[in-house]
Amino acid sequence: MTPRFAPGTPVLVKNDWPEERGPCHIRTPHYLRGRSGRVERVLGAFPNPEDLAFARPAEKRVLYHVVFDQPAIFTDGVPTDHLLVEIFEHWLEAA
């Protein structure tokens, strides 16, 4: 499985709210939806936990470390503060 994004690539977390459409298991923090970050590292491909949570067949998806500027997310901290989060590729778009 080839990763869509390389380290250093600016990305945008999809501003999607599947929990409003019915039962689901989402690993992407709500406070990051619609926010921009940068791919820090490609972690590999893993079964999609959004399917595993419901005992459905889970296709492998690429997982990334994505870094965000903390002050832009939480409105506190200094410009050198960052937030590092694991996010699956299907939640990311090119920025």
N, C-alpha and C. Protein backbone atom coordinates (compact mmCIF):
# COMPACT_ATOMS: atom_id res chain seq x y z
N MET A 1 0.86 -1.18 0.00
CA MET A 1 0.00 0.00 0.00
C MET A 1 0.91 1.24 0.00
N THR A 2 0.73 2.08 -0.97
CA THR A 2 1.56 3.28 -1.11
C THR A 2 0.90 4.46 -0.39
N PRO A 3 1.63 5.11 0.52
CA PRO A 3 1.08 6.28 1.21
C PRO A 3 0.81 7.43 0.22
N ARG A 4 -0.26 8.10 0.42
CA ARG A 4 -0.61 9.25 -0.43
C ARG A 4 0.20 10.49 -0.06
N PHE A 5 0.58 10.62 1.21
CA PHE A 5 1.27 11.81 1.69
C PHE A 5 2.66 11.45 2.21
N ALA A 6 3.63 12.26 1.87
CA ALA A 6 5.01 12.07 2.33
C ALA A 6 5.26 12.96 3.54
N PRO A 7 6.26 12.63 4.35
CA PRO A 7 6.62 13.53 5.46
C PRO A 7 6.87 14.94 4.94
N GLY A 8 6.36 15.91 5.69
CA GLY A 8 6.49 17.32 5.30
C GLY A 8 5.30 17.86 4.53
N THR A 9 4.41 16.98 4.06
CA THR A 9 3.26 17.42 3.27
C THR A 9 2.22 18.11 4.14
N PRO A 10 1.78 19.33 3.75
CA PRO A 10 0.68 19.97 4.48
C PRO A 10 -0.63 19.23 4.19
N VAL A 11 -1.40 18.99 5.22
CA VAL A 11 -2.67 18.27 5.07
C VAL A 11 -3.77 19.00 5.84
N LEU A 12 -4.98 18.65 5.50
CA LEU A 12 -6.17 19.18 6.16
C LEU A 12 -6.96 17.99 6.67
N VAL A 13 -7.38 18.02 7.92
CA VAL A 13 -8.24 16.97 8.46
C VAL A 13 -9.65 17.24 7.96
N LYS A 14 -10.28 16.22 7.40
CA LYS A 14 -11.64 16.39 6.86
C LYS A 14 -12.57 16.92 7.93
N ASN A 15 -13.40 17.84 7.54
CA ASN A 15 -14.41 18.39 8.45
C ASN A 15 -15.69 17.58 8.28
N ASP A 16 -15.62 16.34 8.74
CA ASP A 16 -16.72 15.39 8.58
C ASP A 16 -17.18 14.96 9.97
N TRP A 17 -18.45 14.69 10.12
CA TRP A 17 -19.04 14.33 11.42
C TRP A 17 -19.90 13.09 11.25
N PRO A 18 -19.30 11.91 11.00
CA PRO A 18 -20.09 10.70 10.79
C PRO A 18 -20.92 10.29 11.99
N GLU A 19 -20.54 10.72 13.17
CA GLU A 19 -21.32 10.37 14.36
C GLU A 19 -22.71 11.00 14.32
N GLU A 20 -22.91 12.00 13.48
CA GLU A 20 -24.25 12.60 13.32
C GLU A 20 -25.13 11.75 12.41
N ARG A 21 -24.52 10.78 11.71
CA ARG A 21 -25.26 9.94 10.76
C ARG A 21 -25.63 8.58 11.36
N GLY A 22 -25.18 8.32 12.57
CA GLY A 22 -25.50 7.03 13.19
C GLY A 22 -24.34 6.51 14.00
N PRO A 23 -24.50 5.33 14.56
CA PRO A 23 -23.45 4.76 15.42
C PRO A 23 -22.14 4.60 14.65
N CYS A 24 -21.06 4.98 15.28
CA CYS A 24 -19.75 4.85 14.65
C CYS A 24 -18.66 4.91 15.72
N HIS A 25 -17.48 4.57 15.31
CA HIS A 25 -16.30 4.63 16.18
C HIS A 25 -15.25 5.45 15.44
N ILE A 26 -15.00 6.66 15.89
CA ILE A 26 -14.09 7.56 15.20
C ILE A 26 -12.86 7.80 16.06
N ARG A 27 -11.68 7.61 15.47
CA ARG A 27 -10.43 7.83 16.19
C ARG A 27 -9.85 9.22 15.92
N THR A 28 -10.47 9.99 15.05
CA THR A 28 -9.97 11.33 14.74
C THR A 28 -10.61 12.33 15.70
N PRO A 29 -9.80 13.02 16.51
CA PRO A 29 -10.36 13.95 17.48
C PRO A 29 -11.20 15.04 16.82
N HIS A 30 -12.35 15.31 17.43
CA HIS A 30 -13.27 16.31 16.86
C HIS A 30 -12.62 17.69 16.77
N TYR A 31 -11.74 18.03 17.71
CA TYR A 31 -11.14 19.37 17.71
C TYR A 31 -10.13 19.57 16.59
N LEU A 32 -9.80 18.51 15.84
CA LEU A 32 -8.88 18.64 14.71
C LEU A 32 -9.59 18.68 13.36
N ARG A 33 -10.87 18.40 13.34
CA ARG A 33 -11.60 18.38 12.08
C ARG A 33 -11.66 19.79 11.48
N GLY A 34 -11.26 19.87 10.22
CA GLY A 34 -11.20 21.16 9.53
C GLY A 34 -9.89 21.91 9.76
N ARG A 35 -8.98 21.34 10.54
CA ARG A 35 -7.70 22.00 10.86
C ARG A 35 -6.59 21.52 9.94
N SER A 36 -5.60 22.37 9.77
CA SER A 36 -4.46 22.02 8.93
C SER A 36 -3.27 21.64 9.79
N GLY A 37 -2.50 20.69 9.28
CA GLY A 37 -1.29 20.22 9.95
C GLY A 37 -0.28 19.80 8.90
N ARG A 38 0.71 19.06 9.34
CA ARG A 38 1.78 18.61 8.45
C ARG A 38 2.13 17.18 8.80
N VAL A 39 2.28 16.34 7.77
CA VAL A 39 2.67 14.95 7.99
C VAL A 39 4.08 14.93 8.57
N GLU A 40 4.21 14.29 9.69
CA GLU A 40 5.51 14.14 10.35
C GLU A 40 6.16 12.81 9.96
N ARG A 41 5.33 11.76 9.88
CA ARG A 41 5.87 10.43 9.63
C ARG A 41 4.77 9.50 9.12
N VAL A 42 5.14 8.61 8.22
CA VAL A 42 4.24 7.54 7.78
C VAL A 42 4.48 6.35 8.71
N LEU A 43 3.43 5.86 9.35
CA LEU A 43 3.56 4.78 10.34
C LEU A 43 3.34 3.39 9.76
N GLY A 44 2.72 3.31 8.58
CA GLY A 44 2.44 2.02 7.97
C GLY A 44 0.95 1.84 7.75
N ALA A 45 0.56 0.64 7.31
CA ALA A 45 -0.85 0.35 7.04
C ALA A 45 -1.39 -0.61 8.10
N PHE A 46 -2.56 -0.29 8.61
CA PHE A 46 -3.18 -1.06 9.69
C PHE A 46 -4.68 -1.22 9.40
N PRO A 47 -5.30 -2.27 9.94
CA PRO A 47 -6.75 -2.43 9.76
C PRO A 47 -7.50 -1.21 10.34
N ASN A 48 -8.50 -0.77 9.63
CA ASN A 48 -9.27 0.41 10.02
C ASN A 48 -10.05 0.14 11.32
N PRO A 49 -9.70 0.84 12.42
CA PRO A 49 -10.40 0.61 13.68
C PRO A 49 -11.86 1.02 13.66
N GLU A 50 -12.24 1.87 12.72
CA GLU A 50 -13.64 2.27 12.62
C GLU A 50 -14.51 1.09 12.21
N ASP A 51 -13.94 0.13 11.49
CA ASP A 51 -14.65 -1.10 11.15
C ASP A 51 -14.46 -2.17 12.22
N LEU A 52 -13.24 -2.29 12.73
CA LEU A 52 -12.96 -3.31 13.75
C LEU A 52 -13.87 -3.16 14.97
N ALA A 53 -14.21 -1.93 15.31
CA ALA A 53 -15.05 -1.68 16.48
C ALA A 53 -16.42 -2.33 16.36
N PHE A 54 -16.86 -2.57 15.12
CA PHE A 54 -18.17 -3.19 14.89
C PHE A 54 -18.04 -4.60 14.32
N ALA A 55 -16.85 -5.18 14.47
CA ALA A 55 -16.58 -6.55 14.00
C ALA A 55 -16.84 -6.70 12.51
N ARG A 56 -16.61 -5.63 11.75
CA ARG A 56 -16.73 -5.69 10.29
C ARG A 56 -15.36 -5.98 9.70
N PRO A 57 -15.32 -6.52 8.50
CA PRO A 57 -14.03 -6.68 7.83
C PRO A 57 -13.36 -5.30 7.71
N ALA A 58 -12.09 -5.24 8.05
CA ALA A 58 -11.39 -3.95 8.10
C ALA A 58 -10.24 -3.91 7.09
N GLU A 59 -10.43 -3.13 6.07
CA GLU A 59 -9.36 -2.97 5.08
C GLU A 59 -8.22 -2.17 5.72
N LYS A 60 -7.01 -2.45 5.29
CA LYS A 60 -5.86 -1.71 5.83
C LYS A 60 -5.85 -0.30 5.27
N ARG A 61 -5.49 0.63 6.13
CA ARG A 61 -5.38 2.05 5.76
C ARG A 61 -4.06 2.58 6.29
N VAL A 62 -3.50 3.53 5.57
CA VAL A 62 -2.23 4.11 5.99
C VAL A 62 -2.46 5.05 7.17
N LEU A 63 -1.58 4.94 8.15
CA LEU A 63 -1.65 5.75 9.37
C LEU A 63 -0.45 6.69 9.40
N TYR A 64 -0.68 7.93 9.83
CA TYR A 64 0.36 8.96 9.86
C TYR A 64 0.47 9.59 11.24
N HIS A 65 1.65 10.10 11.54
CA HIS A 65 1.80 11.09 12.61
C HIS A 65 1.63 12.44 11.93
N VAL A 66 0.69 13.22 12.40
CA VAL A 66 0.45 14.57 11.86
C VAL A 66 0.70 15.56 12.99
N VAL A 67 1.46 16.61 12.69
CA VAL A 67 1.79 17.61 13.70
C VAL A 67 0.98 18.89 13.43
N PHE A 68 0.48 19.48 14.51
CA PHE A 68 -0.32 20.69 14.45
C PHE A 68 0.32 21.74 15.37
N ASP A 69 0.22 23.01 15.00
CA ASP A 69 0.66 24.08 15.89
C ASP A 69 -0.36 24.17 17.03
N GLN A 70 0.10 23.97 18.25
CA GLN A 70 -0.81 23.94 19.40
C GLN A 70 -1.60 25.25 19.59
N PRO A 71 -0.95 26.43 19.49
CA PRO A 71 -1.74 27.65 19.71
C PRO A 71 -2.93 27.80 18.75
N ALA A 72 -2.80 27.28 17.53
CA ALA A 72 -3.90 27.37 16.57
C ALA A 72 -5.07 26.47 16.96
N ILE A 73 -4.80 25.43 17.72
CA ILE A 73 -5.85 24.48 18.11
C ILE A 73 -6.49 24.87 19.44
N PHE A 74 -5.66 25.16 20.44
CA PHE A 74 -6.15 25.40 21.79
C PHE A 74 -6.06 26.85 22.25
N THR A 75 -5.62 27.74 21.39
CA THR A 75 -5.49 29.18 21.67
C THR A 75 -4.63 29.49 22.90
N ASP A 76 -3.72 28.59 23.25
CA ASP A 76 -2.76 28.90 24.31
C ASP A 76 -1.44 28.23 23.95
N GLY A 77 -0.42 28.53 24.70
CA GLY A 77 0.90 28.01 24.41
C GLY A 77 1.70 29.00 23.60
N VAL A 78 2.90 28.62 23.27
CA VAL A 78 3.79 29.47 22.48
C VAL A 78 3.93 28.88 21.08
N PRO A 79 4.40 29.68 20.11
CA PRO A 79 4.48 29.20 18.73
C PRO A 79 5.30 27.93 18.54
N THR A 80 6.18 27.62 19.45
CA THR A 80 6.99 26.40 19.31
C THR A 80 6.31 25.16 19.89
N ASP A 81 5.12 25.31 20.48
CA ASP A 81 4.37 24.17 21.02
C ASP A 81 3.63 23.47 19.88
N HIS A 82 3.68 22.13 19.88
CA HIS A 82 3.03 21.35 18.84
C HIS A 82 2.22 20.21 19.44
N LEU A 83 1.31 19.72 18.66
CA LEU A 83 0.47 18.58 19.01
C LEU A 83 0.71 17.50 17.95
N LEU A 84 1.07 16.29 18.37
CA LEU A 84 1.34 15.19 17.45
C LEU A 84 0.23 14.15 17.61
N VAL A 85 -0.45 13.82 16.50
CA VAL A 85 -1.62 12.94 16.55
C VAL A 85 -1.52 11.88 15.45
N GLU A 86 -1.96 10.67 15.76
CA GLU A 86 -2.05 9.61 14.75
C GLU A 86 -3.39 9.73 14.03
N ILE A 87 -3.33 9.85 12.69
CA ILE A 87 -4.56 10.00 11.90
C ILE A 87 -4.46 9.12 10.66
N PHE A 88 -5.54 8.38 10.39
CA PHE A 88 -5.58 7.53 9.21
C PHE A 88 -5.80 8.37 7.95
N GLU A 89 -5.26 7.85 6.85
CA GLU A 89 -5.24 8.57 5.57
C GLU A 89 -6.63 9.00 5.08
N HIS A 90 -7.65 8.17 5.32
CA HIS A 90 -8.98 8.52 4.79
C HIS A 90 -9.59 9.74 5.50
N TRP A 91 -8.93 10.23 6.55
CA TRP A 91 -9.37 11.44 7.22
C TRP A 91 -8.59 12.67 6.77
N LEU A 92 -7.63 12.49 5.86
CA LEU A 92 -6.78 13.60 5.45
C LEU A 92 -7.02 13.99 3.99
N GLU A 93 -6.84 15.28 3.72
CA GLU A 93 -6.90 15.82 2.37
C GLU A 93 -5.66 16.66 2.16
N ALA A 94 -5.26 16.85 0.91
CA ALA A 94 -4.15 17.75 0.62
C ALA A 94 -4.57 19.17 0.98
N ALA A 95 -3.67 19.91 1.62
CA ALA A 95 -3.99 21.28 2.04
C ALA A 95 -3.74 22.26 0.89
